[in-house]
Protein backbone atom coordinates (compact mmCIF):
# COMPACT_ATOMS: atom_id res chain seq x y z
CA MET A 1 9.55 4.68 2.10
CA GLN A 2 6.62 5.39 4.34
CA VAL A 3 3.49 3.34 3.72
CA THR A 4 0.18 4.30 5.29
CA GLY A 5 -2.88 2.09 5.04
CA TYR A 6 -6.32 3.65 5.39
CA VAL A 7 -9.58 2.05 6.47
CA TRP A 8 -13.14 3.30 6.08
CA GLN A 9 -14.62 4.63 9.31
CA ALA A 10 -18.41 4.82 9.14
CA SER A 11 -18.67 7.10 12.20
CA SER A 12 -16.61 9.84 10.53
CA GLY A 13 -17.82 9.08 7.00
CA GLY A 14 -14.28 8.91 5.66
CA GLU A 15 -10.98 7.10 5.52
CA VAL A 16 -8.63 7.21 8.52
CA PRO A 17 -5.00 6.05 8.81
CA ALA A 18 -4.90 2.66 10.49
CA PHE A 19 -1.53 1.12 9.58
CA HIS A 20 1.95 2.48 9.06
CA GLN A 21 5.12 0.78 7.90
CA ASN A 22 8.59 2.18 7.16
CA ILE A 23 10.60 0.39 4.46
CA THR A 24 14.28 0.89 3.63
CA LEU A 25 15.41 0.02 0.11
CA PRO A 26 18.97 0.12 -1.30
CA ALA A 27 19.83 3.08 -3.53
CA CYS A 28 20.41 2.70 -7.26
CA PRO A 29 22.78 5.51 -8.32
CA GLY A 30 22.49 6.50 -11.96
CA TYR A 31 19.59 4.10 -12.50
CA LYS A 32 21.99 1.53 -14.05
CA ASP A 33 21.79 -2.19 -13.40
CA CYS A 34 19.08 -1.60 -10.78
CA LYS A 35 17.50 -4.65 -9.22
CA LEU A 36 13.82 -4.77 -8.36
CA GLN A 37 13.21 -5.16 -4.65
CA LYS A 38 10.39 -7.25 -3.26
CA VAL A 39 8.59 -5.58 -0.37
CA GLU A 40 6.15 -7.43 1.81
CA PHE A 41 3.74 -5.44 3.94
CA ALA A 42 2.96 -6.32 7.51
CA ARG A 43 0.23 -8.94 7.81
CA SER A 44 -1.69 -6.46 9.96
CA MET A 45 -2.33 -4.29 6.87
CA VAL A 46 -5.72 -5.80 6.06
CA GLY A 47 -9.15 -4.38 5.34
CA LEU A 48 -7.68 -1.34 3.58
CA SER A 49 -9.78 1.14 1.65
CA GLY A 50 -6.73 3.09 0.51
CA ILE A 51 -2.94 3.13 0.58
CA GLN A 52 -0.42 5.97 0.43
CA ILE A 53 3.26 5.38 -0.38
CA GLN A 54 5.83 8.14 -0.01
CA ALA A 55 9.55 7.84 -0.81
CA PHE A 56 12.28 9.84 0.90
CA VAL A 57 16.04 10.21 0.54
CA LYS A 58 17.67 11.85 3.58
CA ASN A 59 14.28 13.27 4.68
CA GLU A 60 13.64 14.82 1.23
CA GLN A 61 10.58 13.51 -0.59
CA ARG A 62 11.37 11.89 -3.94
CA MET A 63 9.53 10.57 -6.96
CA TRP A 64 9.64 6.79 -7.22
CA TYR A 65 8.53 4.07 -9.60
CA MET A 66 6.71 0.87 -8.93
CA ASP A 67 6.85 -2.10 -11.27
CA ASP A 68 4.22 -4.43 -9.91
CA LEU A 69 1.72 -4.53 -7.06
CA ALA A 70 -0.04 -7.70 -5.99
CA MET A 71 -3.02 -7.43 -3.67
CA GLY A 72 -5.88 -9.66 -2.61
CA TRP A 73 -9.34 -9.22 -1.19
CA TYR A 74 -9.54 -9.04 2.61
CA ASN A 75 -12.81 -10.95 2.56
CA ASN A 76 -12.59 -13.51 -0.22
CA THR A 77 -15.85 -15.35 0.48
CA CYS A 78 -18.41 -15.99 -2.22
CA ALA A 79 -20.92 -13.69 -0.45
CA ALA A 80 -18.39 -10.84 -0.37
CA GLY A 81 -17.61 -11.35 -4.05
CA LEU A 82 -21.30 -11.14 -4.94
CA LEU A 83 -21.63 -7.95 -2.89
CA ARG A 84 -18.62 -6.40 -4.70
CA LEU A 85 -20.15 -7.41 -8.03
CA LYS A 86 -23.39 -5.57 -7.17
CA SER A 87 -21.54 -2.37 -6.26
CA ARG A 88 -20.20 -1.75 -9.77
């Protein structure tokens, strides 16, 4: 899998790729008795405004399924929470 993290760049007025991580997961032939795999992203993947995840098998892009995604706020201060609340 190739994971790209994007951050907002005010000077360009858009999101730009800032982080990249390759992840190798074991195959599950026939989708029988498959085990969920926990993937931890690099600690440098912070302050993201977007994330793109692409899966490949032998350089051929494939559809994939995700069971659960846990994320947290980059800035978890009370002031940042109030600012997020106002932006709704």
